[in-house]
């Protein structure tokens, strides 16, 4: 009779931690780019000297900034979820489905390292 594993090994957890740290670094770079695109409106070009279609351009700029703000909010949530995954690694509860209590498949965690639900539990949602 084979006993079900109740948690990933320390070596597995270390592997997941490295994946997550790389994803956090990349996500923080992306977030910085998004934030700079909507926070820094002081570009040094000639847009403000040309009255042609200025109101249309401003509307487009506003929509673009709003879209970037929404992307930044999603990116912040992604980073928060990844950092929470790091906490679960430290607590050695990482990779355990919060619904079924079974281990989440390794392949799923490599693709979605912040996952807290197994495929089975996710389908039932």
Protein backbone atom coordinates (compact mmCIF):
# COMPACT_ATOMS: atom_id res chain seq x y z
CA UNK A 1 0.00 0.00 0.00
CA UNK A 2 1.49 3.34 -1.01
CA UNK A 3 1.06 6.23 1.34
CA UNK A 4 0.00 9.58 -0.17
CA UNK A 5 2.57 12.31 0.28
CA UNK A 6 1.21 15.10 2.44
CA UNK A 7 3.82 17.67 1.41
CA UNK A 8 6.62 18.27 -1.06
CA UNK A 9 10.20 17.48 -0.06
CA UNK A 10 12.56 20.25 0.97
CA UNK A 11 14.41 19.82 -2.34
CA UNK A 12 11.14 20.24 -4.26
CA UNK A 13 10.25 23.29 -2.18
CA UNK A 14 13.65 24.82 -2.92
CA UNK A 15 13.09 24.26 -6.64
CA UNK A 16 9.68 25.96 -6.45
CA UNK A 17 11.19 28.81 -4.42
CA UNK A 18 13.73 29.51 -7.17
CA UNK A 19 10.97 29.53 -9.81
CA UNK A 20 8.89 31.91 -7.71
CA UNK A 21 11.79 34.27 -6.97
CA UNK A 22 12.52 34.54 -10.71
CA UNK A 23 8.84 35.22 -11.42
CA UNK A 24 8.72 37.89 -8.70
CA UNK A 25 11.80 39.63 -10.11
CA UNK A 26 10.29 39.63 -13.62
CA UNK A 27 6.88 40.75 -12.35
CA UNK A 28 8.43 43.62 -10.38
CA UNK A 29 10.31 44.77 -13.50
CA UNK A 30 7.07 44.66 -15.49
CA UNK A 31 5.26 46.55 -12.74
CA UNK A 32 7.94 49.27 -12.71
CA UNK A 33 7.53 49.69 -16.47
CA UNK A 34 3.76 49.93 -16.18
CA UNK A 35 3.97 52.42 -13.32
CA UNK A 36 6.45 54.61 -15.17
CA UNK A 37 4.13 54.69 -18.17
CA UNK A 38 1.25 56.20 -16.23
CA UNK A 39 3.04 58.08 -13.46
CA UNK A 40 5.57 59.91 -15.62
CA UNK A 41 3.55 62.11 -17.91
CA UNK A 42 6.44 64.53 -18.39
CA UNK A 43 7.81 63.45 -21.73
CA UNK A 44 10.06 65.92 -23.47
CA UNK A 45 8.55 65.97 -26.92
CA UNK A 46 6.61 68.52 -28.96
CA UNK A 47 3.11 67.13 -28.31
CA UNK A 48 2.14 70.10 -26.16
CA UNK A 49 3.08 72.61 -28.88
CA UNK A 50 0.95 71.09 -31.62
CA UNK A 51 -2.79 71.91 -31.33
CA UNK A 52 -3.80 69.45 -34.07
CA UNK A 53 -6.20 66.81 -32.74
CA UNK A 54 -4.93 67.47 -29.22
CA UNK A 55 -8.23 66.54 -27.55
CA UNK A 56 -8.32 63.18 -29.35
CA UNK A 57 -4.74 62.46 -28.35
CA UNK A 58 -5.43 63.37 -24.72
CA UNK A 59 -8.41 61.04 -24.66
CA UNK A 60 -6.30 58.26 -26.08
CA UNK A 61 -3.55 58.97 -23.56
CA UNK A 62 -6.07 58.84 -20.73
CA UNK A 63 -7.47 55.51 -21.91
CA UNK A 64 -3.96 54.14 -22.25
CA UNK A 65 -3.05 55.29 -18.74
CA UNK A 66 -6.22 53.75 -17.31
CA UNK A 67 -5.43 50.46 -19.04
CA UNK A 68 -1.90 50.54 -17.63
CA UNK A 69 -3.24 51.26 -14.15
CA UNK A 70 -5.49 48.19 -14.43
CA UNK A 71 -2.55 46.08 -15.62
CA UNK A 72 -0.45 47.41 -12.74
CA UNK A 73 -3.16 46.46 -10.22
CA UNK A 74 -3.25 42.92 -11.66
CA UNK A 75 0.56 42.76 -11.55
CA UNK A 76 0.59 43.87 -7.89
CA UNK A 77 -1.91 41.11 -7.06
CA UNK A 78 0.25 38.58 -8.93
CA UNK A 79 3.33 39.65 -6.95
CA UNK A 80 1.36 39.44 -3.69
CA UNK A 81 0.17 35.93 -4.61
CA UNK A 82 3.74 34.86 -5.40
CA UNK A 83 5.00 36.26 -2.09
CA UNK A 84 2.22 34.37 -0.29
CA UNK A 85 3.44 31.23 -2.06
CA UNK A 86 6.91 31.89 -0.61
CA UNK A 87 5.34 32.02 2.85
CA UNK A 88 3.69 28.66 2.21
CA UNK A 89 7.09 27.28 1.20
CA UNK A 90 8.56 28.52 4.49
CA UNK A 91 5.64 26.92 6.37
CA UNK A 92 6.07 23.73 4.29
CA UNK A 93 2.42 23.89 3.24
CA UNK A 94 3.20 24.88 -0.35
CA UNK A 95 1.60 22.74 -3.03
CA UNK A 96 -1.20 21.43 -0.86
CA UNK A 97 -4.68 22.03 -2.28
CA UNK A 98 -6.69 24.15 0.14
CA UNK A 99 -9.90 22.28 -0.79
CA UNK A 100 -8.90 18.63 -1.14
CA UNK A 101 -5.79 18.60 1.05
CA UNK A 102 -3.98 16.62 -1.67
CA UNK A 103 -0.78 17.68 -3.37
CA UNK A 104 -1.19 19.89 -6.41
CA UNK A 105 0.53 18.38 -9.45
CA UNK A 106 4.13 19.48 -9.88
CA UNK A 107 3.55 20.42 -13.52
CA UNK A 108 0.71 22.76 -12.49
CA UNK A 109 2.85 24.42 -9.84
CA UNK A 110 5.67 24.99 -12.32
CA UNK A 111 3.25 26.77 -14.66
CA UNK A 112 1.17 28.50 -11.96
CA UNK A 113 3.48 28.64 -8.91
CA UNK A 114 0.98 30.63 -6.84
CA UNK A 115 -1.78 28.02 -7.29
CA UNK A 116 -3.61 26.98 -4.13
CA UNK A 117 -6.10 24.66 -5.80
CA UNK A 118 -5.61 21.36 -7.56
CA UNK A 119 -7.08 20.93 -11.05
CA UNK A 120 -9.94 18.87 -9.54
CA UNK A 121 -10.84 21.57 -7.04
CA UNK A 122 -10.55 24.29 -9.68
CA UNK A 123 -12.94 22.45 -12.00
CA UNK A 124 -15.54 22.18 -9.23
CA UNK A 125 -15.52 25.95 -8.70
